[in-house]
Amino acid sequence: MTEINWGRIKWQSRRGMRELDLMLLPFVEHDLPNMDPSVIDDYMDLLNATDLELFRWLHGTAEPDSERRKKMVATIVACHETRKGREGV
């Protein structure tokens, strides 16, 4: 397995849309490092989507285009729910 470049992952997670950044950046900083490498691969695949696709998927107004992405979106949303009510979320 290759070494994970967390700086690169975090940089690619910065989308410039506040609503996305508030969900993706805490996920990358707090949750993703504790997950299986296959989940990291799924997350990197998800980052290939457009900002608009990600926004719609993460906010439930559209459904992801693959089972792999559906599972990843559900994971991000679940992790985000555990942080609700904390400062910045």
Protein backbone atom coordinates (compact mmCIF):
# COMPACT_ATOMS: atom_id res chain seq x y z
CA MET A 1 0.00 0.00 0.00
CA THR A 2 1.27 3.48 -0.81
CA GLU A 3 1.62 6.16 1.81
CA ILE A 4 -1.41 8.40 2.14
CA ASN A 5 -0.81 12.06 1.32
CA TRP A 6 -3.17 13.72 3.82
CA GLY A 7 -2.18 17.20 2.72
CA ARG A 8 -3.23 16.42 -0.84
CA ILE A 9 -6.51 14.86 0.29
CA LYS A 10 -7.29 17.87 2.47
CA TRP A 11 -6.42 20.28 -0.35
CA GLN A 12 -8.69 18.42 -2.81
CA SER A 13 -11.46 18.48 -0.21
CA ARG A 14 -11.45 22.29 -0.13
CA ARG A 15 -14.12 23.01 -2.68
CA GLY A 16 -14.62 26.75 -2.17
CA MET A 17 -18.28 26.27 -1.36
CA ARG A 18 -18.83 26.83 2.35
CA GLU A 19 -21.55 24.19 2.61
CA LEU A 20 -19.21 21.54 1.20
CA ASP A 21 -16.16 22.66 3.15
CA LEU A 22 -18.10 22.44 6.42
CA MET A 23 -18.86 18.79 5.72
CA LEU A 24 -15.76 17.58 3.90
CA LEU A 25 -12.90 19.19 5.83
CA PRO A 26 -13.92 17.97 9.31
CA PHE A 27 -14.52 14.53 7.81
CA VAL A 28 -10.99 14.47 6.38
CA GLU A 29 -9.44 15.82 9.58
CA HIS A 30 -11.30 13.74 12.16
CA ASP A 31 -12.97 10.71 10.63
CA LEU A 32 -11.23 9.55 7.48
CA PRO A 33 -7.81 8.88 9.09
CA ASN A 34 -9.43 6.23 11.32
CA MET A 35 -11.07 4.40 8.45
CA ASP A 36 -10.04 1.46 6.31
CA PRO A 37 -7.84 2.26 3.28
CA SER A 38 -10.64 1.13 0.96
CA VAL A 39 -12.81 3.93 2.37
CA ILE A 40 -10.03 6.40 1.59
CA ASP A 41 -10.05 5.13 -2.01
CA ASP A 42 -13.83 5.59 -2.13
CA TYR A 43 -13.46 9.12 -0.78
CA MET A 44 -10.86 9.97 -3.42
CA ASP A 45 -13.27 8.68 -6.08
CA LEU A 46 -16.02 10.88 -4.65
CA LEU A 47 -13.79 13.95 -5.00
CA ASN A 48 -13.85 13.45 -8.78
CA ALA A 49 -17.47 14.63 -8.77
CA THR A 50 -18.34 18.25 -9.46
CA ASP A 51 -19.10 20.66 -6.65
CA LEU A 52 -22.74 20.80 -7.70
CA GLU A 53 -23.02 17.00 -7.66
CA LEU A 54 -21.39 16.82 -4.23
CA PHE A 55 -23.67 19.54 -2.88
CA ARG A 56 -26.79 17.80 -4.12
CA TRP A 57 -25.69 14.38 -2.90
CA LEU A 58 -24.59 15.56 0.55
CA HIS A 59 -27.77 17.57 1.06
CA GLY A 60 -30.07 14.82 -0.19
CA THR A 61 -31.53 16.57 -3.23
CA ALA A 62 -30.03 14.04 -5.66
CA GLU A 63 -28.76 10.50 -5.45
CA PRO A 64 -25.12 9.58 -6.16
CA ASP A 65 -24.41 7.86 -9.46
CA SER A 66 -22.93 4.64 -8.04
CA GLU A 67 -23.33 2.38 -5.02
CA ARG A 68 -19.75 3.15 -4.02
CA ARG A 69 -20.51 6.86 -3.93
CA LYS A 70 -23.87 6.35 -2.19
CA LYS A 71 -22.11 4.54 0.63
CA MET A 72 -19.42 7.22 0.90
CA VAL A 73 -21.98 10.04 0.97
CA ALA A 74 -23.93 8.23 3.69
CA THR A 75 -20.73 7.88 5.73
CA ILE A 76 -19.88 11.58 5.41
CA VAL A 77 -23.42 12.64 6.30
CA ALA A 78 -23.48 10.33 9.35
CA CYS A 79 -20.15 11.70 10.58
CA HIS A 80 -21.37 15.25 10.00
CA GLU A 81 -24.52 14.55 12.04
CA THR A 82 -22.36 13.63 15.05
CA ARG A 83 -20.73 17.08 14.90
CA LYS A 84 -23.89 19.16 14.55
CA GLY A 85 -24.26 21.80 17.21
CA ARG A 86 -20.54 22.22 17.66
CA GLU A 87 -18.84 25.47 16.75
CA GLY A 88 -18.43 25.91 13.00
CA VAL A 89 -20.84 23.17 11.98
